[in-house]
Amino acid sequence: MKPLSALDSLPSSKQVAFAERLARIKRRAVPDECFRDKGLMSKWIDGNR
């Protein structure tokens, strides 16, 4: 098995771009902690679609 690196927990560039687009449309900010964890980013995106 491959060991997890710190980069494995970061959101993908596509996730970040989509979240920023949603944030602009909804006129709200993406929380800073979402940029450090892809699970949180995914939850934020799902909650703001």
C-alpha atoms as a PDB file:
ATOM      1  CA  MET A   1       0.000   0.000   0.000  1.00  0.00           C
ATOM      2  CA  LYS A   2       1.059   3.550  -0.723  1.00  0.00           C
ATOM      3  CA  PRO A   3       1.545   5.809   2.321  1.00  0.00           C
ATOM      4  CA  LEU A   4      -0.649   8.894   2.450  1.00  0.00           C
ATOM      5  CA  SER A   5       1.115  12.173   1.896  1.00  0.00           C
ATOM      6  CA  ALA A   6       0.001  15.617   2.974  1.00  0.00           C
ATOM      7  CA  LEU A   7      -0.944  16.378  -0.630  1.00  0.00           C
ATOM      8  CA  ASP A   8      -3.458  13.513  -0.712  1.00  0.00           C
ATOM      9  CA  SER A   9      -5.726  15.382   1.692  1.00  0.00           C
ATOM     10  CA  LEU A  10      -5.727  18.646  -0.296  1.00  0.00           C
ATOM     11  CA  PRO A  11      -8.641  19.384  -2.646  1.00  0.00           C
ATOM     12  CA  SER A  12      -8.017  19.057  -6.368  1.00  0.00           C
ATOM     13  CA  SER A  13      -7.600  22.115  -8.544  1.00  0.00           C
ATOM     14  CA  LYS A  14     -10.948  21.329 -10.181  1.00  0.00           C
ATOM     15  CA  GLN A  15     -12.656  21.246  -6.771  1.00  0.00           C
ATOM     16  CA  VAL A  16     -11.135  24.600  -5.846  1.00  0.00           C
ATOM     17  CA  ALA A  17     -12.109  26.198  -9.165  1.00  0.00           C
ATOM     18  CA  PHE A  18     -15.689  24.904  -8.894  1.00  0.00           C
ATOM     19  CA  ALA A  19     -16.010  26.068  -5.280  1.00  0.00           C
ATOM     20  CA  GLU A  20     -14.712  29.524  -6.163  1.00  0.00           C
ATOM     21  CA  ARG A  21     -17.193  29.746  -9.042  1.00  0.00           C
ATOM     22  CA  LEU A  22     -20.049  28.745  -6.706  1.00  0.00           C
ATOM     23  CA  ALA A  23     -18.873  31.259  -4.110  1.00  0.00           C
ATOM     24  CA  ARG A  24     -18.933  34.080  -6.674  1.00  0.00           C
ATOM     25  CA  ILE A  25     -22.432  33.130  -7.817  1.00  0.00           C
ATOM     26  CA  LYS A  26     -23.749  32.832  -4.245  1.00  0.00           C
ATOM     27  CA  ARG A  27     -21.747  35.886  -3.078  1.00  0.00           C
ATOM     28  CA  ARG A  28     -20.120  34.098  -0.164  1.00  0.00           C
ATOM     29  CA  ALA A  29     -16.595  33.050   0.702  1.00  0.00           C
ATOM     30  CA  VAL A  30     -15.200  29.544   0.758  1.00  0.00           C
ATOM     31  CA  PRO A  31     -13.959  28.904   4.327  1.00  0.00           C
ATOM     32  CA  ASP A  32     -10.169  28.677   4.658  1.00  0.00           C
ATOM     33  CA  GLU A  33     -10.292  25.210   6.208  1.00  0.00           C
ATOM     34  CA  CYS A  34     -11.898  23.883   3.010  1.00  0.00           C
ATOM     35  CA  PHE A  35      -8.697  24.675   1.117  1.00  0.00           C
ATOM     36  CA  ARG A  36      -6.808  22.320   3.455  1.00  0.00           C
ATOM     37  CA  ASP A  37      -9.115  19.273   3.336  1.00  0.00           C
ATOM     38  CA  LYS A  38     -10.796  17.747   0.289  1.00  0.00           C
ATOM     39  CA  GLY A  39     -13.550  16.172   2.407  1.00  0.00           C
ATOM     40  CA  LEU A  40     -14.553  19.551   3.810  1.00  0.00           C
ATOM     41  CA  MET A  41     -14.355  21.095   0.340  1.00  0.00           C
ATOM     42  CA  SER A  42     -16.647  18.396  -1.006  1.00  0.00           C
ATOM     43  CA  LYS A  43     -19.169  18.994   1.798  1.00  0.00           C
ATOM     44  CA  TRP A  44     -19.060  22.762   1.216  1.00  0.00           C
ATOM     45  CA  ILE A  45     -19.673  22.277  -2.505  1.00  0.00           C
ATOM     46  CA  ASP A  46     -22.577  19.888  -1.872  1.00  0.00           C
ATOM     47  CA  GLY A  47     -24.126  22.307   0.591  1.00  0.00           C
ATOM     48  CA  ASN A  48     -23.847  25.300  -1.743  1.00  0.00           C
ATOM     49  CA  ARG A  49     -25.002  23.924  -5.071  1.00  0.00           C
END
